Every structure is written in C-alpha cells, then in structure tokens.
Amino acid sequence: MSVKSLEVVIVGGGVAGLAAASALSQRGAQVLLLEQAAGFLEHGAGLQISPNGARVITALGQGAELARLGDRSAAVVLRKGASGGEVLRLDLPEDGPGFHLIHRADLIEVLRSGLGGVETRMVARVVACDPDGPRPSVTLEGGEVLRADLILGADGLHSQIRPALDPAAPDAPFFTGQVAWRALIPCTPDAPRAAEVFMGPGRHLVSYPLRAGQLRNIVAVEERRAWAAEGWSHPGNPDALRAAFAGFGGPVPDWLAQVETLWLWGLFRHPVARHWHRGHAAILGDAAHPTLPFMAQGANMALEDAFVLARSLEAAPDVAAGLAAYQAARRNRVLRVVEAANRSARNYHLRAPLAPLAHLALRASGRIVPNAPLRQFGWIYDHDVTAA
C-alpha cells in the first residue's frame, strides 16, 4: 500500500507520537499531530536510550541530533546502597548505536527535528474516538470532529483511543506497592558518564549525569504500603525522600541534600492491550503497553512501535492489514520486555541474607563472563527493527 497522501491524525506529542509522525511523513503521509498541552513541555527528567531505540532515531535521520543533545553512556555500575561500594561494573560498547543518557525535553527536541511537513496543533484535547469506517474520527474538547484515513493514539497511560478500540477490555491497573521520586540536581562536567544503581532492602536509587554534566538525574524507588497517585506531575517532599534513603551511603546523602524540587508517582501495572487496532485506528507506546521503568525501555519501545507501524502500513495491501501486521510484529516482544521490567525491581530490592549472596554471585559472574548481565538482555538491546 502506498502511504503517500494517506491522511493521518496522531493524538499525543510525546516520544511515540513524534516518532510516528516522522516515520509516516517521511513516507509521504499527510500528518496532523494533536497535543493537548500548550507546547512540548519539559515533563519528566532523564531517559536512557539503548541501542534498539538509537537505531530507530538514526533511521529516522536524527542520529546527529541524538549525539549532540545526549551523552553516550560508558557503563552501568551496581553498588551497595549502605556503603556505595561497587558490586559490578558493566562496560558499555564504545562503537555502534550505543546507550545514551538524555533529558526528556532534549529527546523531544531530537524527534521534533524530523517533523518537516507535519502539521501540529496545540491545546487540542481529544475526548472521544470513533474508529469504525474508512474515515475514523476524533472529537476535541469543544466539539470539533476531525476525520482521517488513519487515527493513531500515542496518548499515553490515560489514552482516549485505547478504550475505543476494545471497550470491554479489563484495563484496571493495580498499585505495585512501589513509589518513585524523580529529581534533578546540579552536576559537574567531569562526572562519569555512567548510570549508577544503589541497591538496598526494599529500595534502590538510580543516578546519571545529563546535558554534559550540567544536571544529575535521580530516580529513587521505595517499596511501601501507602498508595501514591500515578503520573509524573505530583510534587514530592524532599524530606520524605531523604528519610526513606537515610541508610544509604557513598555520594547519595550529598546528592539528596541538594534536592529542592522533586516529583513523586505511584508505580502501577497496566495490562498490555489485547487489541492495538480496530478499523482504521491503532495505538502505540504507553497507550498500548505501559511498562514499569526498571529496564528503561518505555521510550525505546515507543520508538520501535513507530518504525514498525510505518513500515507495516507501507508493506500491506490496505490500512487494516497493515495495522494487523504491526500488532503481530510487536505484541509478543513487548510482553517479554514488560515482564523483564516487572522482575528487575525485585532483584534490586533484596534483603539479607539473600542480598549478600546475590552480590557475591554477581561479582563471580562478572569475573568469569564479563558483562554477563548485559549479554543476558542482548535480546532487547541488539534488536534492530530497522533492518530490512
């Protein structure tokens, strides 16, 4: 099917929406991108783009922008929370697509650089979707109805498009018993370009530099019974963060002493959507498969989705067949990544006597098979959706 001149409305101006807009417009589609905010805002903080996501960005023509605005990561270092002592260092490859540390706003800027020819509308909040018929529609707040050959929902956790595709689906999320704080503090240009994971009983903290060492990203996760709201925009209490991680050592106390503003969100598990398409409408990214942050794959899966969706449409005889091929190509991989993320947090939060034994095993495996944990997830990082 020729994607050229296909009229597409994309709902959501985040990573999934921007990547899909770029991939489709480059194939000749007429794309209208709707974003409910007044602009491409600086939501969130740091993100990690692994090689599977970097390959997509490069294929879309924005590899140079990723290199300019992101920092290439040299290593992942696992540390004991109490002392800060190193448990295992995983050196990352210096060649190839690489791992990148980047502020979310900078990733949005990278993807926006590929939007030539894409029409964007801000303050355009979608409240309903009718996916049926050859010209599906979305209804905006205020009553305006927009029709297109294809509607794509890249509108995140609280998607308006997802329930329209499968109204009977049991989509209720559940609280995992974990909350996460996200903060940015000043950093220094000489800070190692590495993601450091400080592991403790029932909690862990991840930190890495951003913007050539101007900022340090902190994500701290704690197991607790008290429920917290889902989403990135709920203010947190710096003193509560410092109290939760009072037993941590190394550089952590100094980092946390500098935290003035932070955001707290509850971590919920959502089911992967059963149906990613209906009629001439489909979903991608978090709208289809929200994932916990512990494998740092949310943005990378969205990038993969966008590329596969555009290519599937181009290779199919019609829109419906293209959307079916897209889900068939993506769903099993995403299910596996989501489950890997679900398991990962438990490994960081071990308590005595398991924690010391696990740390010894990690050290031993690192000596016998260097970078063994990294190789364990080669099926994620080495995957290349851009390959012919």
Protein backbone atom coordinates (compact mmCIF):
# COMPACT_ATOMS: atom_id res chain seq x y z
CA MET A 1 0.00 0.00 0.00
CA SER A 2 1.27 3.47 -0.77
CA VAL A 3 1.44 5.55 2.40
CA LYS A 4 1.85 8.64 0.22
CA SER A 5 -1.04 11.07 0.68
CA LEU A 6 -2.57 8.95 3.48
CA GLU A 7 -4.25 11.38 5.89
CA VAL A 8 -3.22 10.56 9.46
CA VAL A 9 -4.23 12.15 12.76
CA ILE A 10 -1.87 11.34 15.64
CA VAL A 11 -3.09 12.01 19.16
CA GLY A 12 -0.21 12.84 21.53
CA GLY A 13 3.02 14.77 21.11
CA GLY A 14 5.33 12.59 23.21
CA VAL A 15 8.03 10.17 22.06
CA ALA A 16 5.61 7.73 20.38
CA GLY A 17 3.61 10.43 18.61
CA LEU A 18 6.61 12.38 17.35
CA ALA A 19 8.40 9.26 16.12
CA ALA A 20 5.28 8.01 14.33
CA ALA A 21 4.73 11.44 12.76
CA SER A 22 8.32 11.46 11.49
CA ALA A 23 8.23 7.88 10.18
CA LEU A 24 4.93 8.36 8.35
CA SER A 25 5.57 11.83 6.96
CA GLN A 26 8.91 10.66 5.55
CA ARG A 27 6.94 8.05 3.61
CA GLY A 28 4.66 10.75 2.19
CA ALA A 29 1.71 10.70 4.59
CA GLN A 30 -0.14 13.91 5.43
CA VAL A 31 0.15 14.03 9.21
CA LEU A 32 -1.71 16.17 11.73
CA LEU A 33 -0.26 15.87 15.25
CA LEU A 34 -2.53 16.84 18.16
CA GLU A 35 -1.09 17.74 21.58
CA GLN A 36 -3.33 18.69 24.49
CA ALA A 37 -0.70 20.88 26.19
CA ALA A 38 0.12 24.42 25.13
CA GLY A 39 3.55 23.29 23.91
CA PHE A 40 6.06 20.46 24.01
CA LEU A 41 6.62 20.77 27.76
CA GLU A 42 9.59 19.58 29.85
CA HIS A 43 7.79 16.72 31.56
CA GLY A 44 9.94 14.19 33.37
CA ALA A 45 13.69 14.31 33.61
CA GLY A 46 16.27 11.82 32.38
CA LEU A 47 15.79 8.94 29.95
CA GLN A 48 18.08 6.18 28.75
CA ILE A 49 18.06 5.40 25.04
CA SER A 50 19.51 1.95 24.44
CA PRO A 51 20.86 0.73 21.07
CA ASN A 52 17.49 -0.63 19.92
CA GLY A 53 15.97 2.84 20.29
CA ALA A 54 19.04 4.65 18.96
CA ARG A 55 18.83 2.61 15.75
CA VAL A 56 15.33 3.95 15.14
CA ILE A 57 16.36 7.55 15.77
CA THR A 58 19.26 7.12 13.34
CA ALA A 59 17.00 5.52 10.71
CA LEU A 60 14.63 8.49 11.01
CA GLY A 61 17.55 10.80 10.25
CA GLN A 62 18.05 12.28 13.72
CA GLY A 63 21.17 10.38 14.78
CA ALA A 64 23.34 13.51 14.70
CA GLU A 65 20.86 15.35 16.92
CA LEU A 66 20.87 12.47 19.40
CA ALA A 67 24.68 12.64 19.54
CA ARG A 68 24.54 16.42 20.00
CA LEU A 69 21.90 16.57 22.75
CA GLY A 70 22.51 13.25 24.53
CA ASP A 71 25.51 11.88 26.41
CA ARG A 72 26.83 8.49 25.39
CA SER A 73 26.87 6.23 28.44
CA ALA A 74 30.11 4.40 29.23
CA ALA A 75 28.89 1.97 31.90
CA VAL A 76 26.27 0.74 34.31
CA VAL A 77 27.60 0.37 37.85
CA LEU A 78 25.73 -1.63 40.50
CA ARG A 79 26.54 -0.51 44.06
CA LYS A 80 25.65 -1.41 47.64
CA GLY A 81 23.24 1.13 48.98
CA ALA A 82 24.67 1.26 52.50
CA SER A 83 28.29 1.88 51.56
CA GLY A 84 28.23 2.88 47.92
CA GLY A 85 30.77 0.13 47.29
CA GLU A 86 30.89 -1.32 43.79
CA VAL A 87 29.26 -4.70 43.26
CA LEU A 88 29.55 -4.95 39.48
CA ARG A 89 30.55 -2.70 36.60
CA LEU A 90 29.14 -3.29 33.14
CA ASP A 91 31.19 -1.51 30.49
CA LEU A 92 29.08 -0.44 27.54
CA PRO A 93 30.29 -0.66 23.93
CA GLU A 94 32.15 2.35 22.59
CA ASP A 95 31.10 1.72 19.00
CA GLY A 96 27.78 1.02 17.30
CA PRO A 97 24.48 2.75 18.14
CA GLY A 98 25.33 2.92 21.86
CA PHE A 99 23.50 3.77 25.06
CA HIS A 100 22.57 7.43 25.57
CA LEU A 101 21.62 9.50 28.64
CA ILE A 102 19.29 12.33 27.69
CA HIS A 103 16.81 14.74 29.21
CA ARG A 104 13.28 14.01 28.02
CA ALA A 105 12.90 17.57 26.71
CA ASP A 106 16.07 17.08 24.66
CA LEU A 107 14.77 13.79 23.24
CA ILE A 108 11.57 15.61 22.24
CA GLU A 109 13.75 18.22 20.51
CA VAL A 110 15.67 15.45 18.70
CA LEU A 111 12.42 13.98 17.37
CA ARG A 112 10.93 17.36 16.51
CA SER A 113 13.86 17.93 14.17
CA GLY A 114 12.31 15.30 11.89
CA LEU A 115 8.85 16.86 11.62
CA GLY A 116 9.28 18.70 8.35
CA GLY A 117 5.88 18.82 6.67
CA VAL A 118 3.95 17.70 9.77
CA GLU A 119 1.12 19.98 10.91
CA THR A 120 0.87 20.34 14.70
CA ARG A 121 -1.99 21.67 16.81
CA MET A 122 -1.51 22.52 20.46
CA VAL A 123 -4.22 22.77 23.13
CA ALA A 124 -6.09 20.09 21.20
CA ARG A 125 -7.56 17.71 23.77
CA VAL A 126 -9.24 14.61 22.37
CA VAL A 127 -12.27 13.43 24.36
CA ALA A 128 -13.64 10.67 22.10
CA CYS A 129 -12.74 8.45 19.17
CA ASP A 130 -14.86 6.58 16.63
CA PRO A 131 -12.52 4.03 14.99
CA ASP A 132 -15.03 2.50 12.61
CA GLY A 133 -15.45 3.09 8.90
CA PRO A 134 -12.94 4.14 6.26
CA ARG A 135 -12.71 7.65 7.78
CA PRO A 136 -12.44 7.27 11.58
CA SER A 137 -12.77 10.38 13.73
CA VAL A 138 -11.71 12.03 16.95
CA THR A 139 -13.74 14.62 18.83
CA LEU A 140 -11.95 17.50 20.50
CA GLU A 141 -12.94 19.24 23.69
CA GLY A 142 -15.34 21.90 22.44
CA GLY A 143 -17.00 19.58 19.95
CA GLU A 144 -14.86 19.79 16.82
CA VAL A 145 -14.71 16.49 14.91
CA LEU A 146 -11.64 15.56 12.85
CA ARG A 147 -11.67 12.71 10.32
CA ALA A 148 -8.75 10.97 8.62
CA ASP A 149 -7.76 7.78 6.82
CA LEU A 150 -5.96 6.66 9.98
CA ILE A 151 -6.16 7.66 13.66
CA LEU A 152 -3.19 6.82 15.90
CA GLY A 153 -3.37 7.02 19.68
CA ALA A 154 0.01 7.91 21.13
CA ASP A 155 -1.69 9.49 24.13
CA GLY A 156 -0.08 7.58 26.96
CA LEU A 157 -1.33 5.93 30.13
CA HIS A 158 -4.74 7.59 30.11
CA SER A 159 -5.38 7.14 26.41
CA GLN A 160 -8.71 8.18 24.95
CA ILE A 161 -8.10 5.98 21.92
CA ARG A 162 -7.34 2.67 23.68
CA PRO A 163 -10.83 2.12 25.20
CA ALA A 164 -12.45 2.98 21.85
CA LEU A 165 -10.63 0.03 20.25
CA ASP A 166 -11.73 -2.52 22.85
CA PRO A 167 -14.48 -1.12 25.13
CA ALA A 168 -14.95 -4.40 27.02
CA ALA A 169 -11.27 -4.85 27.91
CA PRO A 170 -10.43 -5.19 31.63
CA ASP A 171 -7.93 -2.34 31.82
CA ALA A 172 -7.91 -1.60 35.57
CA PRO A 173 -4.31 -1.07 36.75
CA PHE A 174 -3.13 -2.08 40.20
CA PHE A 175 -0.66 -0.44 42.58
CA THR A 176 2.62 -2.37 42.74
CA GLY A 177 3.43 -1.29 46.29
CA GLN A 178 6.26 0.88 44.94
CA VAL A 179 6.63 4.61 44.60
CA ALA A 180 9.28 6.57 42.75
CA TRP A 181 10.76 10.02 43.22
CA ARG A 182 12.30 11.88 40.31
CA ALA A 183 14.60 14.87 40.79
CA LEU A 184 17.30 16.91 39.09
CA ILE A 185 20.24 18.47 40.92
CA PRO A 186 23.39 20.29 39.73
CA CYS A 187 26.23 18.15 38.46
CA THR A 188 29.78 18.73 37.23
CA PRO A 189 31.24 18.31 33.73
CA ASP A 190 33.77 15.75 34.98
CA ALA A 191 31.09 13.37 36.33
CA PRO A 192 31.47 9.88 34.82
CA ARG A 193 29.01 9.22 32.01
CA ALA A 194 27.55 6.17 33.72
CA ALA A 195 24.27 5.04 35.23
CA GLU A 196 24.82 4.08 38.88
CA VAL A 197 22.35 1.85 40.71
CA PHE A 198 22.48 1.86 44.53
CA MET A 199 20.69 -1.24 45.85
CA GLY A 200 19.18 -1.61 49.31
CA PRO A 201 16.50 -3.60 51.13
CA GLY A 202 13.15 -2.67 49.65
CA ARG A 203 14.52 0.29 47.69
CA HIS A 204 17.03 1.42 45.11
CA LEU A 205 18.31 4.67 43.61
CA VAL A 206 19.49 5.29 40.05
CA SER A 207 21.52 8.34 39.04
CA TYR A 208 23.35 9.60 35.96
CA PRO A 209 24.51 12.92 34.51
CA LEU A 210 22.66 14.84 31.81
CA ARG A 211 23.49 17.69 29.44
CA ALA A 212 27.25 17.23 29.51
CA GLY A 213 27.29 17.15 33.29
CA GLN A 214 25.17 20.25 33.90
CA LEU A 215 22.49 18.18 35.66
CA ARG A 216 22.28 14.94 37.61
CA ASN A 217 19.17 12.81 37.22
CA ILE A 218 17.93 10.91 40.28
CA VAL A 219 15.22 8.25 40.35
CA ALA A 220 14.62 6.67 43.74
CA VAL A 221 12.20 3.75 44.20
CA GLU A 222 10.80 2.56 47.54
CA GLU A 223 8.51 -0.32 48.43
CA ARG A 224 5.74 0.83 50.73
CA ARG A 225 2.10 0.24 51.55
CA ALA A 226 0.99 3.86 51.33
CA TRP A 227 -0.59 4.47 47.94
CA ALA A 228 0.61 7.31 45.72
CA ALA A 229 -1.06 8.77 42.65
CA GLU A 230 0.08 7.72 39.20
CA GLY A 231 1.71 10.27 36.91
CA TRP A 232 4.79 12.50 36.72
CA SER A 233 3.33 15.78 37.96
CA HIS A 234 2.68 15.18 41.67
CA PRO A 235 5.02 17.22 43.91
CA GLY A 236 7.04 15.23 46.44
CA ASN A 237 8.52 16.11 49.83
CA PRO A 238 12.36 16.23 49.78
CA ASP A 239 12.49 15.40 53.50
CA ALA A 240 10.42 12.25 52.91
CA LEU A 241 12.86 11.20 50.20
CA ARG A 242 15.86 11.80 52.48
CA ALA A 243 14.20 9.85 55.30
CA ALA A 244 13.43 6.89 53.02
CA PHE A 245 17.08 6.66 51.92
CA ALA A 246 18.72 7.67 55.21
CA GLY A 247 20.63 4.38 55.37
CA PHE A 248 22.35 4.89 52.02
CA GLY A 249 25.99 5.93 51.83
CA GLY A 250 28.58 6.89 49.25
CA PRO A 251 27.59 10.04 47.34
CA VAL A 252 23.85 9.54 47.94
CA PRO A 253 23.47 11.66 51.12
CA ASP A 254 25.17 14.62 49.44
CA TRP A 255 23.02 14.26 46.34
CA LEU A 256 19.81 14.07 48.33
CA ALA A 257 20.79 17.07 50.46
CA GLN A 258 20.73 19.13 47.26
CA VAL A 259 17.20 18.11 46.25
CA GLU A 260 14.80 21.04 46.45
CA THR A 261 12.09 20.13 43.95
CA LEU A 262 11.01 16.62 43.10
CA TRP A 263 8.09 14.62 41.81
CA LEU A 264 6.55 11.52 43.33
CA TRP A 265 4.49 8.96 41.47
CA GLY A 266 2.99 5.60 42.27
CA LEU A 267 4.06 2.71 40.09
CA PHE A 268 1.10 0.82 38.69
CA ARG A 269 0.98 -2.26 36.49
CA HIS A 270 -1.29 -1.98 33.49
CA PRO A 271 -2.20 -4.88 31.23
CA VAL A 272 -0.82 -4.81 27.72
CA ALA A 273 -3.75 -4.04 25.44
CA ARG A 274 -5.41 -7.07 23.88
CA HIS A 275 -6.28 -5.20 20.69
CA TRP A 276 -3.97 -2.49 19.36
CA HIS A 277 -6.16 -1.68 16.37
CA ARG A 278 -9.77 -1.59 15.20
CA GLY A 279 -10.98 -0.36 11.87
CA HIS A 280 -8.62 2.38 10.75
CA ALA A 281 -7.35 3.29 14.24
CA ALA A 282 -4.46 1.99 16.35
CA ILE A 283 -2.44 2.71 19.48
CA LEU A 284 1.28 2.66 20.22
CA GLY A 285 3.72 3.38 23.03
CA ASP A 286 2.33 3.66 26.57
CA ALA A 287 -1.22 3.74 25.23
CA ALA A 288 -0.75 0.11 24.15
CA HIS A 289 1.75 -1.24 26.69
CA PRO A 290 2.71 0.83 29.75
CA THR A 291 5.79 -0.61 31.40
CA LEU A 292 7.49 -0.10 34.74
CA PRO A 293 10.71 1.92 34.43
CA PHE A 294 13.17 -0.71 35.64
CA MET A 295 14.53 -1.75 32.23
CA ALA A 296 14.47 1.84 30.92
CA GLN A 297 12.54 0.67 27.86
CA GLY A 298 9.40 2.83 27.76
CA ALA A 299 10.76 5.35 25.25
CA ASN A 300 12.67 2.67 23.35
CA MET A 301 9.57 0.52 22.86
CA ALA A 302 7.66 3.58 21.65
CA LEU A 303 10.38 4.27 19.08
CA GLU A 304 10.30 0.67 17.89
CA ASP A 305 6.50 0.77 17.64
CA ALA A 306 6.54 3.89 15.48
CA PHE A 307 9.01 2.47 12.97
CA VAL A 308 7.34 -0.93 12.71
CA LEU A 309 3.90 0.67 12.32
CA ALA A 310 5.01 2.86 9.42
CA ARG A 311 6.81 0.00 7.68
CA SER A 312 3.90 -2.41 8.20
CA LEU A 313 1.49 0.05 6.59
CA GLU A 314 3.83 0.57 3.67
CA ALA A 315 4.16 -3.19 3.06
CA ALA A 316 0.46 -4.09 3.43
CA PRO A 317 -2.29 -4.08 0.78
CA ASP A 318 -4.51 -1.80 2.91
CA VAL A 319 -4.69 0.02 6.24
CA ALA A 320 -6.45 -2.78 8.14
CA ALA A 321 -3.88 -5.37 7.03
CA GLY A 322 -1.04 -3.02 7.91
CA LEU A 323 -2.36 -2.48 11.42
CA ALA A 324 -2.81 -6.22 11.94
CA ALA A 325 0.77 -6.84 10.80
CA TYR A 326 2.00 -4.13 13.17
CA GLN A 327 0.39 -5.73 16.23
CA ALA A 328 1.55 -9.20 15.19
CA ALA A 329 5.13 -7.94 14.89
CA ARG A 330 5.16 -6.08 18.21
CA ARG A 331 2.94 -7.62 20.87
CA ASN A 332 4.97 -10.67 21.92
CA ARG A 333 8.20 -8.67 22.12
CA VAL A 334 6.56 -6.01 24.23
CA LEU A 335 5.04 -8.60 26.58
CA ARG A 336 8.51 -10.03 27.17
CA VAL A 337 10.04 -6.60 27.84
CA VAL A 338 7.23 -5.69 30.27
CA GLU A 339 7.78 -8.91 32.23
CA ALA A 340 11.56 -8.29 32.34
CA ALA A 341 10.87 -4.87 33.87
CA ASN A 342 8.48 -6.39 36.41
CA ARG A 343 11.22 -8.80 37.57
CA SER A 344 14.04 -6.27 37.61
CA ALA A 345 12.91 -4.24 40.63
CA ARG A 346 12.77 -7.32 42.83
CA ASN A 347 16.43 -8.03 42.05
CA TYR A 348 17.47 -4.56 43.23
CA HIS A 349 15.50 -4.75 46.50
CA LEU A 350 16.84 -7.96 48.05
CA ARG A 351 17.21 -8.16 51.82
CA ALA A 352 19.62 -10.16 53.99
CA PRO A 353 20.56 -12.96 53.78
CA LEU A 354 19.78 -13.04 50.03
CA ALA A 355 21.35 -9.67 49.17
CA PRO A 356 24.99 -10.53 50.13
CA LEU A 357 24.72 -13.89 48.34
CA ALA A 358 23.31 -12.24 45.22
CA HIS A 359 26.10 -9.64 45.25
CA LEU A 360 28.73 -12.38 45.51
CA ALA A 361 27.13 -14.20 42.60
CA LEU A 362 27.15 -11.02 40.51
CA ARG A 363 30.83 -10.40 41.22
CA ALA A 364 31.71 -14.01 40.35
CA SER A 365 29.75 -13.94 37.11
CA GLY A 366 31.42 -10.66 36.20
CA ARG A 367 34.87 -12.22 36.61
CA ILE A 368 34.03 -15.42 34.73
CA VAL A 369 31.89 -13.90 31.95
CA PRO A 370 32.49 -10.15 31.70
CA ASN A 371 29.29 -8.17 31.17
CA ALA A 372 27.18 -11.32 31.60
CA PRO A 373 24.09 -9.39 32.82
CA LEU A 374 24.34 -7.12 29.77
CA ARG A 375 24.54 -10.12 27.47
CA GLN A 376 21.51 -11.58 29.25
CA PHE A 377 19.46 -8.73 27.82
CA GLY A 378 21.04 -8.75 24.39
CA TRP A 379 17.63 -9.77 23.03
CA ILE A 380 16.45 -6.28 23.99
CA TYR A 381 19.44 -4.13 23.11
CA ASP A 382 20.62 -5.94 19.96
CA HIS A 383 17.18 -5.99 18.38
CA ASP A 384 17.00 -3.93 15.20
CA VAL A 385 13.54 -3.12 13.87
CA THR A 386 15.11 -1.01 11.12
CA ALA A 387 16.84 -3.99 9.48
CA ALA A 388 15.35 -4.96 6.14
